[in-house]
Amino acid sequence: MSMTEKTKPMKAELARHAEPFADVDWARAEADLDARGWAVIGRVLTDAQCAEFIDAYTDEPRYRRTIVMARHAYGEGEYKYFAQPLPPLVQTLRAGAYQRLAPIANRWRAALGDDAVFPERHNAFLAQCRAAGQAKPTPLILKYEAGGHNRLHQDRYGEVFFPLQMAVLLSRPDTEFEGGEFLMAEQRMRQQTRVDVVPLGFGEAVVFAGDVRPVSGKRGPVKARMRHGVAAVRAGRRYTLGLILHDAA
């Protein structure tokens, strides 16, 4: 192996530290989102970054609230919402994702006849959330043991919401856990629900519609209702970083 070949993985690793989305093909992601409502955008976190998130799961001062899913009939497992101030990497991921997804969200809004416009920058959007009484941060870490699962749902936390969100798999499939596939469900008017099993690898992110998205109808674009969830984990332990881009009331 040449010196150039040896340095390629190192350069990629450094790029992810500096800019998690440096290697993302956003044009392809946009096409996938338009076609099916979700897009796997590839590796956005390094091995070390994934390990850091998992290791810090028991560091309670980092979090504002813990949810045991069975108590609310959400599924089996638990998740924790980060407290303010958010970890710098979470802030970087959230702001960077929003900046790239806002044009898509605005195009979807326009297609569905809504003339409201999301601002270009995430800080400006969060100001809109605060003005509506939504000031609680929504990024979270989810943990599933064997048997754990998440029922199909949407993450709407108030009147102000962003229609796209992101999840990053922090555990190694088929090594650290089995099963636990990420699921997307689409419901169109007068059609049965379509379910996709999303192929997600270690450190990879999926961007997906968290509410409704435009799809072609006989008389122009119509709404398709999107929900997401996680299939049952058969063995091991699965951790995920969830990045919801609006804040909660």
Protein backbone atom coordinates (compact mmCIF):
# COMPACT_ATOMS: atom_id res chain seq x y z
CA MET A 1 0.00 0.00 0.00
CA SER A 2 1.34 3.42 -0.97
CA MET A 3 1.70 6.33 1.43
CA THR A 4 -1.13 8.10 -0.41
CA GLU A 5 -3.46 5.12 0.12
CA LYS A 6 -2.55 4.99 3.80
CA THR A 7 -3.40 8.64 4.35
CA LYS A 8 -6.82 8.54 2.67
CA PRO A 9 -8.69 7.07 5.68
CA MET A 10 -6.84 9.46 8.01
CA LYS A 11 -7.87 12.47 5.92
CA ALA A 12 -11.48 11.27 5.88
CA GLU A 13 -11.39 10.86 9.66
CA LEU A 14 -10.02 14.38 10.11
CA ALA A 15 -12.65 15.78 7.74
CA ARG A 16 -15.44 14.27 9.82
CA HIS A 17 -13.97 15.86 12.95
CA ALA A 18 -13.88 19.28 11.30
CA GLU A 19 -17.03 19.01 9.16
CA PRO A 20 -19.29 15.98 9.75
CA PHE A 21 -21.05 16.45 6.39
CA ALA A 22 -17.93 16.97 4.27
CA ASP A 23 -18.44 13.76 2.27
CA VAL A 24 -22.23 13.93 1.87
CA ASP A 25 -23.70 14.02 -1.63
CA TRP A 26 -26.54 16.42 -0.87
CA ALA A 27 -27.91 16.37 -4.41
CA ARG A 28 -28.41 12.62 -4.16
CA ALA A 29 -29.86 13.00 -0.65
CA GLU A 30 -32.40 15.51 -1.95
CA ALA A 31 -33.39 13.18 -4.78
CA ASP A 32 -33.86 10.30 -2.32
CA LEU A 33 -35.92 12.46 0.04
CA ASP A 34 -38.17 13.49 -2.84
CA ALA A 35 -38.53 9.91 -4.05
CA ARG A 36 -39.20 8.10 -0.75
CA GLY A 37 -39.06 10.49 2.20
CA TRP A 38 -35.71 9.35 3.59
CA ALA A 39 -32.04 9.32 2.59
CA VAL A 40 -29.01 7.57 4.06
CA ILE A 41 -26.24 10.16 3.77
CA GLY A 42 -23.29 8.00 4.88
CA ARG A 43 -20.80 8.18 7.72
CA VAL A 44 -20.95 11.43 9.71
CA LEU A 45 -19.34 10.37 13.03
CA THR A 46 -15.99 8.75 13.73
CA ASP A 47 -15.50 5.63 15.86
CA ALA A 48 -14.28 7.82 18.72
CA GLN A 49 -17.22 10.19 18.49
CA CYS A 50 -19.73 7.32 18.60
CA ALA A 51 -17.92 5.86 21.62
CA GLU A 52 -17.92 9.23 23.39
CA PHE A 53 -21.68 9.57 23.06
CA ILE A 54 -22.24 6.05 24.40
CA ASP A 55 -19.76 6.45 27.26
CA ALA A 56 -21.49 9.67 28.34
CA TYR A 57 -24.95 8.09 28.44
CA THR A 58 -24.74 7.67 32.22
CA ASP A 59 -23.47 11.24 32.78
CA GLU A 60 -26.81 12.52 34.08
CA PRO A 61 -25.96 16.27 34.27
CA ARG A 62 -25.72 16.24 30.45
CA TYR A 63 -29.46 15.53 30.16
CA ARG A 64 -32.65 17.37 31.04
CA ARG A 65 -35.06 14.43 31.01
CA THR A 66 -35.14 10.63 30.74
CA ILE A 67 -38.09 8.83 29.16
CA VAL A 68 -38.80 5.15 29.88
CA MET A 69 -40.74 4.21 26.79
CA ALA A 70 -42.89 1.41 28.27
CA ARG A 71 -44.50 3.86 30.73
CA HIS A 72 -45.99 5.80 27.82
CA ALA A 73 -46.69 2.85 25.47
CA TYR A 74 -44.04 4.18 23.07
CA GLY A 75 -42.23 0.84 22.89
CA GLU A 76 -39.46 -0.75 24.97
CA GLY A 77 -36.27 1.16 25.77
CA GLU A 78 -35.37 4.60 27.00
CA TYR A 79 -34.08 7.91 25.75
CA LYS A 80 -32.56 11.04 27.22
CA TYR A 81 -32.90 14.63 26.04
CA PHE A 82 -29.74 16.71 26.18
CA ALA A 83 -29.75 19.73 28.48
CA GLN A 84 -28.49 23.19 27.61
CA PRO A 85 -25.81 23.94 26.69
CA LEU A 86 -25.80 21.22 24.08
CA PRO A 87 -22.51 19.38 23.47
CA PRO A 88 -20.54 21.24 20.75
CA LEU A 89 -20.71 18.30 18.34
CA VAL A 90 -24.50 18.10 18.70
CA GLN A 91 -24.74 21.82 17.97
CA THR A 92 -22.50 21.41 14.91
CA LEU A 93 -24.53 18.51 13.55
CA ARG A 94 -27.84 20.23 14.19
CA ALA A 95 -26.90 23.58 12.66
CA GLY A 96 -25.14 21.99 9.70
CA ALA A 97 -28.05 19.68 8.93
CA TYR A 98 -30.57 22.50 9.18
CA GLN A 99 -28.65 24.77 6.82
CA ARG A 100 -28.60 22.07 4.14
CA LEU A 101 -32.16 20.89 4.67
CA ALA A 102 -33.94 24.25 4.95
CA PRO A 103 -34.05 24.75 1.13
CA ILE A 104 -35.65 21.31 0.74
CA ALA A 105 -38.15 22.05 3.51
CA ASN A 106 -39.05 25.36 1.88
CA ARG A 107 -39.56 23.70 -1.49
CA TRP A 108 -41.81 21.08 0.12
CA ARG A 109 -43.80 23.79 1.89
CA ALA A 110 -44.33 25.68 -1.34
CA ALA A 111 -45.42 22.51 -3.14
CA LEU A 112 -48.11 22.00 -0.50
CA GLY A 113 -49.36 25.58 -0.80
CA ASP A 114 -47.73 27.04 2.32
CA ASP A 115 -46.01 30.37 1.63
CA ALA A 116 -44.20 30.53 5.00
CA VAL A 117 -40.41 30.29 4.68
CA PHE A 118 -37.88 28.69 7.01
CA PRO A 119 -34.91 31.04 7.65
CA GLU A 120 -31.52 30.12 6.26
CA ARG A 121 -29.79 29.71 9.63
CA HIS A 122 -30.71 27.44 12.51
CA ASN A 123 -30.27 30.17 15.13
CA ALA A 124 -32.96 32.22 13.42
CA PHE A 125 -35.30 29.23 13.34
CA LEU A 126 -34.70 28.52 17.04
CA ALA A 127 -35.62 32.14 17.73
CA GLN A 128 -38.99 31.40 16.11
CA CYS A 129 -39.33 28.38 18.39
CA ARG A 130 -38.61 30.47 21.48
CA ALA A 131 -41.10 33.13 20.39
CA ALA A 132 -43.74 30.36 20.29
CA GLY A 133 -42.80 29.18 23.80
CA GLN A 134 -40.65 26.28 22.60
CA ALA A 135 -37.28 26.55 24.32
CA LYS A 136 -36.47 23.00 25.48
CA PRO A 137 -33.74 21.28 23.41
CA THR A 138 -34.85 18.14 21.59
CA PRO A 139 -31.62 16.30 20.55
CA LEU A 140 -31.57 12.95 22.32
CA ILE A 141 -29.82 9.62 22.82
CA LEU A 142 -31.89 6.43 22.54
CA LYS A 143 -30.93 3.08 24.07
CA TYR A 144 -32.50 -0.31 23.30
CA GLU A 145 -31.68 -3.63 24.95
CA ALA A 146 -32.76 -7.02 23.58
CA GLY A 147 -36.49 -6.83 22.94
CA GLY A 148 -36.39 -3.04 22.71
CA HIS A 149 -38.32 -1.30 19.95
CA ASN A 150 -39.91 2.03 19.07
CA ARG A 151 -43.46 2.16 17.74
CA LEU A 152 -44.14 4.18 14.60
CA HIS A 153 -44.54 7.83 15.53
CA GLN A 154 -43.86 11.48 14.71
CA ASP A 155 -41.78 13.93 16.77
CA ARG A 156 -43.90 17.08 16.94
CA TYR A 157 -43.30 19.13 20.07
CA GLY A 158 -45.33 22.28 19.41
CA GLU A 159 -46.83 24.52 16.78
CA VAL A 160 -43.42 25.35 15.28
CA PHE A 161 -41.77 22.31 13.76
CA PHE A 162 -39.27 21.44 11.04
CA PRO A 163 -40.37 18.68 8.65
CA LEU A 164 -37.00 16.91 8.37
CA GLN A 165 -34.83 15.32 11.04
CA MET A 166 -31.83 13.03 11.39
CA ALA A 167 -30.76 9.91 13.26
CA VAL A 168 -27.19 8.60 13.60
CA LEU A 169 -26.47 4.98 14.51
CA LEU A 170 -23.90 4.86 17.31
CA SER A 171 -23.60 1.05 17.62
CA ARG A 172 -22.24 -1.58 15.22
CA PRO A 173 -25.01 -3.68 13.62
CA ASP A 174 -24.44 -7.45 13.65
CA THR A 175 -21.55 -6.94 16.09
CA GLU A 176 -22.91 -4.98 19.06
CA PHE A 177 -26.58 -5.68 18.35
CA GLU A 178 -28.85 -7.68 16.05
CA GLY A 179 -32.19 -6.58 14.63
CA GLY A 180 -33.25 -3.06 15.56
CA GLU A 181 -33.73 -1.90 11.97
CA PHE A 182 -34.79 1.70 11.39
CA LEU A 183 -38.28 1.80 9.85
CA MET A 184 -40.10 4.39 7.76
CA ALA A 185 -43.84 4.25 7.03
CA GLU A 186 -45.67 6.32 4.43
CA GLN A 187 -49.45 6.74 4.32
CA ARG A 188 -51.08 8.21 1.22
CA MET A 189 -54.76 8.92 0.82
CA ARG A 190 -56.77 5.82 -0.15
CA GLN A 191 -53.65 3.65 -0.14
CA GLN A 192 -52.32 1.07 2.27
CA THR A 193 -49.26 1.99 4.31
CA ARG A 194 -45.85 1.40 2.74
CA VAL A 195 -43.00 0.47 5.10
CA ASP A 196 -39.28 0.72 4.28
CA VAL A 197 -36.47 -0.95 6.23
CA VAL A 198 -33.61 1.57 6.15
CA PRO A 199 -30.10 0.09 5.75
CA LEU A 200 -28.07 2.03 8.31
CA GLY A 201 -24.42 1.35 9.18
CA PHE A 202 -22.22 2.26 12.13
CA GLY A 203 -21.76 6.03 12.39
CA GLU A 204 -24.09 6.60 9.45
CA ALA A 205 -26.96 9.08 9.37
CA VAL A 206 -30.41 8.90 7.89
CA VAL A 207 -32.31 12.10 7.08
CA PHE A 208 -36.07 11.63 6.96
CA ALA A 209 -39.43 13.35 6.80
CA GLY A 210 -40.82 13.63 10.30
CA ASP A 211 -44.31 14.85 9.47
CA VAL A 212 -45.72 15.14 5.92
CA ARG A 213 -44.09 15.45 2.53
CA PRO A 214 -45.37 16.27 -0.97
CA VAL A 215 -46.01 13.44 -3.41
CA SER A 216 -47.52 13.52 -6.88
CA GLY A 217 -51.30 13.37 -7.13
CA LYS A 218 -53.72 13.48 -10.05
CA ARG A 219 -54.21 17.23 -9.57
CA GLY A 220 -50.76 18.16 -8.33
CA PRO A 221 -48.79 17.58 -5.11
CA VAL A 222 -50.63 16.03 -2.15
CA LYS A 223 -49.56 15.20 1.39
CA ALA A 224 -48.11 11.85 2.40
CA ARG A 225 -47.99 11.27 6.14
CA MET A 226 -44.65 9.89 7.36
CA ARG A 227 -43.88 8.02 10.57
CA HIS A 228 -40.70 6.33 11.81
CA GLY A 229 -39.75 3.69 14.36
CA VAL A 230 -37.31 0.92 15.26
CA ALA A 231 -37.90 -2.83 14.89
CA ALA A 232 -37.25 -5.10 17.85
CA VAL A 233 -33.63 -5.61 18.85
CA ARG A 234 -32.99 -9.36 18.92
CA ALA A 235 -29.72 -9.27 20.85
CA GLY A 236 -27.20 -6.80 22.26
CA ARG A 237 -27.61 -3.08 22.83
CA ARG A 238 -28.35 -0.35 20.27
CA TYR A 239 -27.66 3.38 20.74
CA THR A 240 -28.81 6.16 18.43
CA LEU A 241 -28.32 9.92 18.35
CA GLY A 242 -31.53 11.71 17.36
CA LEU A 243 -31.42 15.23 15.92
CA ILE A 244 -34.79 16.96 15.87
CA LEU A 245 -34.29 20.47 14.53
CA HIS A 246 -37.12 22.28 16.32
CA ASP A 247 -37.26 22.76 20.09
CA ALA A 248 -40.06 21.75 22.45
CA ALA A 249 -42.61 23.59 24.57
